[in-house]
């Protein structure tokens, strides 16, 4: 019998291990994984509200504000006026921020390649389908709140 809890623990452990290895390698290069992830989000969604960043990463607004203040001080992001709400500010990435992303991208890609190159094409396809099913289950059953069903059931995907 498959133990779902143990499988979930292993999945989390692998994710955490990849995260720790990448963070250590970035720190050795003078970068930060947390900062890089936030810069990626801002770059891909700019101009973005700080509240959107906090929601995406499930962080307290104060934590995000402190991180953004530091990135702004380091000239990685800039606060720009919100075109809809004149009182509000949005975040955009600077050229220096883009340069930081370009410098850290090879480390990220190398780690991903090392981890996933062990999979055959068939393994990779199976894994992608499994992730699709897990994502669908989480989005439709967990995100919709109480009474939406349990994660343990099967999906039609």
C-alpha atoms as a PDB file:
ATOM      1  CA  UNK A   1       0.000   0.000   0.000  1.00  0.00           C
ATOM      2  CA  UNK A   2       1.244   3.480  -0.904  1.00  0.00           C
ATOM      3  CA  UNK A   3       1.773   5.805   2.034  1.00  0.00           C
ATOM      4  CA  UNK A   4       0.702   9.232   0.763  1.00  0.00           C
ATOM      5  CA  UNK A   5       2.169  11.022   3.762  1.00  0.00           C
ATOM      6  CA  UNK A   6       5.616   9.500   3.279  1.00  0.00           C
ATOM      7  CA  UNK A   7       5.503  10.295  -0.452  1.00  0.00           C
ATOM      8  CA  UNK A   8       4.559  13.917   0.302  1.00  0.00           C
ATOM      9  CA  UNK A   9       7.396  14.134   2.841  1.00  0.00           C
ATOM     10  CA  UNK A  10       9.887  12.834   0.276  1.00  0.00           C
ATOM     11  CA  UNK A  11       8.600  15.289  -2.334  1.00  0.00           C
ATOM     12  CA  UNK A  12       8.986  18.155   0.159  1.00  0.00           C
ATOM     13  CA  UNK A  13      12.447  16.965   1.157  1.00  0.00           C
ATOM     14  CA  UNK A  14      13.627  16.955  -2.471  1.00  0.00           C
ATOM     15  CA  UNK A  15      12.228  20.433  -3.041  1.00  0.00           C
ATOM     16  CA  UNK A  16      13.895  21.698   0.156  1.00  0.00           C
ATOM     17  CA  UNK A  17      17.195  20.083  -0.786  1.00  0.00           C
ATOM     18  CA  UNK A  18      17.173  21.728  -4.226  1.00  0.00           C
ATOM     19  CA  UNK A  19      16.283  25.022  -2.572  1.00  0.00           C
ATOM     20  CA  UNK A  20      19.113  24.762  -0.001  1.00  0.00           C
ATOM     21  CA  UNK A  21      21.719  23.728  -2.579  1.00  0.00           C
ATOM     22  CA  UNK A  22      20.766  26.570  -4.901  1.00  0.00           C
ATOM     23  CA  UNK A  23      20.730  29.082  -2.039  1.00  0.00           C
ATOM     24  CA  UNK A  24      24.202  27.987  -0.863  1.00  0.00           C
ATOM     25  CA  UNK A  25      25.584  28.249  -4.388  1.00  0.00           C
ATOM     26  CA  UNK A  26      24.054  31.689  -4.850  1.00  0.00           C
ATOM     27  CA  UNK A  27      25.391  32.905  -1.508  1.00  0.00           C
ATOM     28  CA  UNK A  28      28.848  31.699  -2.566  1.00  0.00           C
ATOM     29  CA  UNK A  29      28.448  33.919  -5.647  1.00  0.00           C
ATOM     30  CA  UNK A  30      27.327  36.892  -3.548  1.00  0.00           C
ATOM     31  CA  UNK A  31      23.634  36.509  -4.381  1.00  0.00           C
ATOM     32  CA  UNK A  32      20.523  35.445  -2.488  1.00  0.00           C
ATOM     33  CA  UNK A  33      17.898  32.948  -3.584  1.00  0.00           C
ATOM     34  CA  UNK A  34      15.124  34.783  -1.752  1.00  0.00           C
ATOM     35  CA  UNK A  35      16.060  38.067  -3.405  1.00  0.00           C
ATOM     36  CA  UNK A  36      16.422  36.415  -6.799  1.00  0.00           C
ATOM     37  CA  UNK A  37      12.996  34.767  -6.552  1.00  0.00           C
ATOM     38  CA  UNK A  38      11.427  38.099  -5.652  1.00  0.00           C
ATOM     39  CA  UNK A  39      13.253  39.834  -8.516  1.00  0.00           C
ATOM     40  CA  UNK A  40      12.008  37.161 -10.940  1.00  0.00           C
ATOM     41  CA  UNK A  41       8.437  37.732  -9.797  1.00  0.00           C
ATOM     42  CA  UNK A  42       8.737  41.508 -10.128  1.00  0.00           C
ATOM     43  CA  UNK A  43      10.410  41.238 -13.539  1.00  0.00           C
ATOM     44  CA  UNK A  44       7.717  38.895 -14.850  1.00  0.00           C
ATOM     45  CA  UNK A  45       4.777  40.905 -13.479  1.00  0.00           C
ATOM     46  CA  UNK A  46       5.981  44.518 -13.463  1.00  0.00           C
ATOM     47  CA  UNK A  47       4.733  46.930 -12.538  1.00  0.00           C
ATOM     48  CA  UNK A  48       3.454  45.024  -9.514  1.00  0.00           C
ATOM     49  CA  UNK A  49       2.089  46.002  -6.118  1.00  0.00           C
ATOM     50  CA  UNK A  50       4.012  45.003  -2.998  1.00  0.00           C
ATOM     51  CA  UNK A  51       0.790  43.364  -1.788  1.00  0.00           C
ATOM     52  CA  UNK A  52       0.878  41.093  -4.854  1.00  0.00           C
ATOM     53  CA  UNK A  53       4.434  40.064  -3.999  1.00  0.00           C
ATOM     54  CA  UNK A  54       3.418  39.323  -0.408  1.00  0.00           C
ATOM     55  CA  UNK A  55       0.446  37.263  -1.558  1.00  0.00           C
ATOM     56  CA  UNK A  56       2.440  35.300  -4.159  1.00  0.00           C
ATOM     57  CA  UNK A  57       5.159  34.315  -1.681  1.00  0.00           C
ATOM     58  CA  UNK A  58       2.754  34.024   1.271  1.00  0.00           C
ATOM     59  CA  UNK A  59       4.760  36.546   3.270  1.00  0.00           C
ATOM     60  CA  UNK A  60       3.733  39.226   5.714  1.00  0.00           C
ATOM     61  CA  UNK A  61       3.479  42.656   4.064  1.00  0.00           C
ATOM     62  CA  UNK A  62       6.077  44.029   6.492  1.00  0.00           C
ATOM     63  CA  UNK A  63       8.572  41.345   5.431  1.00  0.00           C
ATOM     64  CA  UNK A  64       8.063  42.226   1.770  1.00  0.00           C
ATOM     65  CA  UNK A  65       8.343  45.951   2.474  1.00  0.00           C
ATOM     66  CA  UNK A  66      11.688  45.398   4.216  1.00  0.00           C
ATOM     67  CA  UNK A  67      12.964  43.262   1.320  1.00  0.00           C
ATOM     68  CA  UNK A  68      11.801  45.821  -1.239  1.00  0.00           C
ATOM     69  CA  UNK A  69      13.383  48.676   0.726  1.00  0.00           C
ATOM     70  CA  UNK A  70      16.687  46.789   0.638  1.00  0.00           C
ATOM     71  CA  UNK A  71      16.383  46.000  -3.072  1.00  0.00           C
ATOM     72  CA  UNK A  72      15.493  49.627  -3.782  1.00  0.00           C
ATOM     73  CA  UNK A  73      18.497  50.794  -1.754  1.00  0.00           C
ATOM     74  CA  UNK A  74      20.655  48.427  -3.834  1.00  0.00           C
ATOM     75  CA  UNK A  75      19.102  49.859  -7.037  1.00  0.00           C
ATOM     76  CA  UNK A  76      17.563  46.505  -8.061  1.00  0.00           C
ATOM     77  CA  UNK A  77      13.956  47.716  -8.081  1.00  0.00           C
ATOM     78  CA  UNK A  78      12.260  51.073  -8.325  1.00  0.00           C
ATOM     79  CA  UNK A  79       8.924  52.276  -7.040  1.00  0.00           C
ATOM     80  CA  UNK A  80       6.824  53.822  -9.794  1.00  0.00           C
ATOM     81  CA  UNK A  81       3.478  55.620  -9.652  1.00  0.00           C
ATOM     82  CA  UNK A  82       0.355  53.517 -10.004  1.00  0.00           C
ATOM     83  CA  UNK A  83      -1.494  54.768 -13.088  1.00  0.00           C
ATOM     84  CA  UNK A  84      -4.887  53.962 -11.553  1.00  0.00           C
ATOM     85  CA  UNK A  85      -4.364  54.980  -7.915  1.00  0.00           C
ATOM     86  CA  UNK A  86      -2.196  58.092  -7.602  1.00  0.00           C
ATOM     87  CA  UNK A  87      -1.614  57.383  -3.893  1.00  0.00           C
ATOM     88  CA  UNK A  88      -0.160  53.939  -4.549  1.00  0.00           C
ATOM     89  CA  UNK A  89       3.211  52.808  -5.846  1.00  0.00           C
ATOM     90  CA  UNK A  90       4.122  49.795  -7.928  1.00  0.00           C
ATOM     91  CA  UNK A  91       7.435  48.000  -8.331  1.00  0.00           C
ATOM     92  CA  UNK A  92       9.533  47.615 -11.423  1.00  0.00           C
ATOM     93  CA  UNK A  93      12.913  46.017 -11.920  1.00  0.00           C
ATOM     94  CA  UNK A  94      15.917  48.143 -12.859  1.00  0.00           C
ATOM     95  CA  UNK A  95      18.682  47.368 -15.315  1.00  0.00           C
ATOM     96  CA  UNK A  96      20.881  46.431 -12.361  1.00  0.00           C
ATOM     97  CA  UNK A  97      18.153  44.054 -11.145  1.00  0.00           C
ATOM     98  CA  UNK A  98      18.024  42.428 -14.583  1.00  0.00           C
ATOM     99  CA  UNK A  99      21.809  42.078 -14.475  1.00  0.00           C
ATOM    100  CA  UNK A 100      21.570  40.246 -11.131  1.00  0.00           C
ATOM    101  CA  UNK A 101      19.028  37.851 -12.681  1.00  0.00           C
ATOM    102  CA  UNK A 102      21.310  37.237 -15.671  1.00  0.00           C
ATOM    103  CA  UNK A 103      24.210  36.477 -13.322  1.00  0.00           C
ATOM    104  CA  UNK A 104      22.270  33.999 -11.187  1.00  0.00           C
ATOM    105  CA  UNK A 105      20.375  32.273 -14.001  1.00  0.00           C
ATOM    106  CA  UNK A 106      23.273  29.935 -14.952  1.00  0.00           C
ATOM    107  CA  UNK A 107      23.426  28.615 -11.369  1.00  0.00           C
ATOM    108  CA  UNK A 108      19.698  27.940 -11.349  1.00  0.00           C
ATOM    109  CA  UNK A 109      19.745  26.250 -14.747  1.00  0.00           C
ATOM    110  CA  UNK A 110      22.786  24.126 -13.843  1.00  0.00           C
ATOM    111  CA  UNK A 111      21.139  22.765 -10.694  1.00  0.00           C
ATOM    112  CA  UNK A 112      17.901  22.027 -12.521  1.00  0.00           C
ATOM    113  CA  UNK A 113      19.826  20.279 -15.288  1.00  0.00           C
ATOM    114  CA  UNK A 114      21.781  18.188 -12.770  1.00  0.00           C
ATOM    115  CA  UNK A 115      18.606  17.084 -11.022  1.00  0.00           C
ATOM    116  CA  UNK A 116      16.407  16.407 -14.032  1.00  0.00           C
ATOM    117  CA  UNK A 117      19.026  14.986 -16.411  1.00  0.00           C
ATOM    118  CA  UNK A 118      18.728  11.720 -14.470  1.00  0.00           C
ATOM    119  CA  UNK A 119      15.244  11.240 -15.911  1.00  0.00           C
ATOM    120  CA  UNK A 120      14.641   9.514 -19.229  1.00  0.00           C
ATOM    121  CA  UNK A 121      12.268  11.155 -21.718  1.00  0.00           C
ATOM    122  CA  UNK A 122       9.578   8.714 -20.574  1.00  0.00           C
ATOM    123  CA  UNK A 123      10.266   9.518 -16.888  1.00  0.00           C
ATOM    124  CA  UNK A 124      10.126  13.221 -17.668  1.00  0.00           C
ATOM    125  CA  UNK A 125       6.768  12.873 -19.424  1.00  0.00           C
ATOM    126  CA  UNK A 126       5.364  10.784 -16.562  1.00  0.00           C
ATOM    127  CA  UNK A 127       6.630  13.269 -13.993  1.00  0.00           C
ATOM    128  CA  UNK A 128       5.135  16.226 -15.888  1.00  0.00           C
ATOM    129  CA  UNK A 129       1.749  14.463 -16.026  1.00  0.00           C
ATOM    130  CA  UNK A 130       1.904  13.653 -12.309  1.00  0.00           C
ATOM    131  CA  UNK A 131       2.720  17.270 -11.480  1.00  0.00           C
ATOM    132  CA  UNK A 132      -0.194  18.409 -13.655  1.00  0.00           C
ATOM    133  CA  UNK A 133      -2.547  16.150 -11.718  1.00  0.00           C
ATOM    134  CA  UNK A 134      -1.214  17.268  -8.334  1.00  0.00           C
ATOM    135  CA  UNK A 135      -1.472  20.915  -9.323  1.00  0.00           C
ATOM    136  CA  UNK A 136      -5.025  20.467 -10.552  1.00  0.00           C
ATOM    137  CA  UNK A 137      -5.985  18.644  -7.363  1.00  0.00           C
ATOM    138  CA  UNK A 138      -4.525  21.378  -5.192  1.00  0.00           C
ATOM    139  CA  UNK A 139      -6.035  24.202  -7.193  1.00  0.00           C
ATOM    140  CA  UNK A 140      -9.521  22.730  -7.417  1.00  0.00           C
ATOM    141  CA  UNK A 141      -9.830  21.020  -4.045  1.00  0.00           C
ATOM    142  CA  UNK A 142      -7.673  22.920  -1.612  1.00  0.00           C
ATOM    143  CA  UNK A 143      -7.890  26.467  -2.957  1.00  0.00           C
ATOM    144  CA  UNK A 144     -11.675  26.401  -3.100  1.00  0.00           C
ATOM    145  CA  UNK A 145     -11.880  26.033   0.680  1.00  0.00           C
ATOM    146  CA  UNK A 146     -13.810  23.864   3.135  1.00  0.00           C
ATOM    147  CA  UNK A 147     -16.219  21.383   1.681  1.00  0.00           C
ATOM    148  CA  UNK A 148     -14.430  21.326  -1.660  1.00  0.00           C
ATOM    149  CA  UNK A 149     -13.191  17.791  -1.207  1.00  0.00           C
ATOM    150  CA  UNK A 150     -10.018  16.159  -0.033  1.00  0.00           C
ATOM    151  CA  UNK A 151      -6.725  16.018  -1.829  1.00  0.00           C
ATOM    152  CA  UNK A 152      -6.627  12.248  -1.532  1.00  0.00           C
ATOM    153  CA  UNK A 153      -9.303  11.573  -4.160  1.00  0.00           C
ATOM    154  CA  UNK A 154      -8.601  10.898  -7.794  1.00  0.00           C
ATOM    155  CA  UNK A 155      -8.876  13.479 -10.524  1.00  0.00           C
ATOM    156  CA  UNK A 156      -9.902  12.772 -14.043  1.00  0.00           C
ATOM    157  CA  UNK A 157      -6.653  14.126 -15.466  1.00  0.00           C
END
